[in-house]
């Protein structure tokens, strides 16, 4: 999966001009959905897998010419983006809330007395 996203990010880099706004839009629309798809189900738990998925966003933000000299957290601040690990945590909490409040059909899989 990570390889597929790296390939898509490279294609986007070749297609767009080096403007921060264009790359931010491309990151949000084309790259992050692939990394976040069904994250409640496949959420990586090993540090190696977390680093591997985060490397896609790290490399994508590093390729922005105006931001290439900054550190990764500063690049995320400039792009108004978050760490993927933090976003997965938010998705997990949202999913748990939906299951507890019975807004999701997954409550049929859990035993309730």
Protein backbone atom coordinates (compact mmCIF):
# COMPACT_ATOMS: atom_id res chain seq x y z
CA UNK A 1 0.00 0.00 0.00
CA UNK A 2 2.78 2.44 0.88
CA UNK A 3 4.48 1.79 -2.46
CA UNK A 4 1.27 2.64 -4.30
CA UNK A 5 0.99 5.94 -2.44
CA UNK A 6 4.66 6.78 -3.09
CA UNK A 7 4.04 6.25 -6.81
CA UNK A 8 0.97 8.48 -6.75
CA UNK A 9 2.85 11.18 -4.84
CA UNK A 10 5.64 11.10 -7.43
CA UNK A 11 3.10 11.51 -10.22
CA UNK A 12 1.56 14.48 -8.45
CA UNK A 13 4.96 16.06 -7.98
CA UNK A 14 5.58 15.90 -11.73
CA UNK A 15 2.14 17.28 -12.63
CA UNK A 16 1.82 20.29 -10.32
CA UNK A 17 3.87 23.45 -10.23
CA UNK A 18 5.82 24.04 -7.03
CA UNK A 19 3.29 26.14 -5.15
CA UNK A 20 2.56 25.35 -1.54
CA UNK A 21 -1.19 25.71 -2.00
CA UNK A 22 -1.23 23.22 -4.90
CA UNK A 23 0.80 20.66 -3.00
CA UNK A 24 -1.32 21.07 0.14
CA UNK A 25 -4.47 20.47 -1.91
CA UNK A 26 -2.89 17.47 -3.63
CA UNK A 27 -1.78 16.03 -0.29
CA UNK A 28 -5.27 16.34 1.17
CA UNK A 29 -7.16 15.08 -1.87
CA UNK A 30 -4.95 12.47 -3.51
CA UNK A 31 -2.40 11.15 -1.00
CA UNK A 32 -3.93 11.11 2.49
CA UNK A 33 -7.14 9.24 1.58
CA UNK A 34 -5.07 6.27 0.44
CA UNK A 35 -3.13 6.27 3.70
CA UNK A 36 -6.23 6.70 5.86
CA UNK A 37 -8.60 4.31 4.12
CA UNK A 38 -10.15 1.95 6.70
CA UNK A 39 -7.61 3.01 9.28
CA UNK A 40 -9.89 1.76 12.06
CA UNK A 41 -9.45 -1.76 10.72
CA UNK A 42 -5.81 -1.94 9.62
CA UNK A 43 -4.27 0.59 12.03
CA UNK A 44 -0.54 -0.23 12.17
CA UNK A 45 0.72 -1.07 15.62
CA UNK A 46 4.43 -1.64 14.99
CA UNK A 47 6.75 1.35 14.90
CA UNK A 48 8.17 0.16 11.60
CA UNK A 49 4.76 0.26 9.93
CA UNK A 50 3.90 3.63 11.47
CA UNK A 51 7.19 5.10 10.25
CA UNK A 52 6.68 3.61 6.81
CA UNK A 53 3.25 5.19 6.38
CA UNK A 54 4.48 8.48 7.81
CA UNK A 55 7.41 8.47 5.38
CA UNK A 56 5.03 9.02 2.48
CA UNK A 57 3.78 12.31 3.91
CA UNK A 58 7.30 13.24 5.06
CA UNK A 59 8.74 12.74 1.58
CA UNK A 60 5.82 14.49 -0.11
CA UNK A 61 6.25 17.59 2.05
CA UNK A 62 10.03 17.48 1.58
CA UNK A 63 9.56 17.73 -2.21
CA UNK A 64 7.94 21.15 -1.90
CA UNK A 65 10.76 23.45 -2.95
CA UNK A 66 9.95 26.32 -0.59
CA UNK A 67 9.68 23.97 2.42
CA UNK A 68 12.54 21.56 1.74
CA UNK A 69 14.94 23.20 4.22
CA UNK A 70 12.54 23.03 7.18
CA UNK A 71 12.04 20.17 9.60
CA UNK A 72 9.05 17.88 9.24
CA UNK A 73 6.95 19.39 12.09
CA UNK A 74 7.48 22.89 10.70
CA UNK A 75 6.48 21.73 7.22
CA UNK A 76 3.28 20.27 8.67
CA UNK A 77 2.54 23.53 10.47
CA UNK A 78 2.99 25.55 7.29
CA UNK A 79 0.71 23.16 5.37
CA UNK A 80 -1.82 23.05 8.25
CA UNK A 81 -1.54 19.26 8.28
CA UNK A 82 -1.26 16.71 11.08
CA UNK A 83 0.77 13.60 11.72
CA UNK A 84 -0.91 10.55 10.25
CA UNK A 85 -0.63 8.77 13.58
CA UNK A 86 -2.61 11.54 15.27
CA UNK A 87 -5.24 11.42 12.53
CA UNK A 88 -5.60 7.64 12.94
CA UNK A 89 -6.07 8.10 16.68
CA UNK A 90 -8.85 10.62 16.03
CA UNK A 91 -10.52 8.23 13.59
CA UNK A 92 -10.34 5.41 16.13
CA UNK A 93 -11.88 7.57 18.85
CA UNK A 94 -14.62 8.73 16.50
CA UNK A 95 -15.38 5.14 15.50
CA UNK A 96 -15.51 4.05 19.14
CA UNK A 97 -17.91 6.89 19.94
CA UNK A 98 -20.14 5.89 17.02
CA UNK A 99 -20.16 2.25 18.17
CA UNK A 100 -20.96 3.15 21.78
CA UNK A 101 -23.72 5.57 20.77
CA UNK A 102 -25.11 3.00 18.31
CA UNK A 103 -24.67 5.27 15.28
CA UNK A 104 -22.82 2.48 13.52
CA UNK A 105 -23.93 -1.02 12.53
CA UNK A 106 -20.90 -2.60 14.21
CA UNK A 107 -22.69 -2.96 17.54
CA UNK A 108 -24.22 -6.23 16.23
CA UNK A 109 -20.80 -7.86 16.46
CA UNK A 110 -20.42 -7.17 20.18
CA UNK A 111 -22.16 -9.19 22.86
CA UNK A 112 -24.53 -7.11 24.97
CA UNK A 113 -26.32 -8.59 27.92
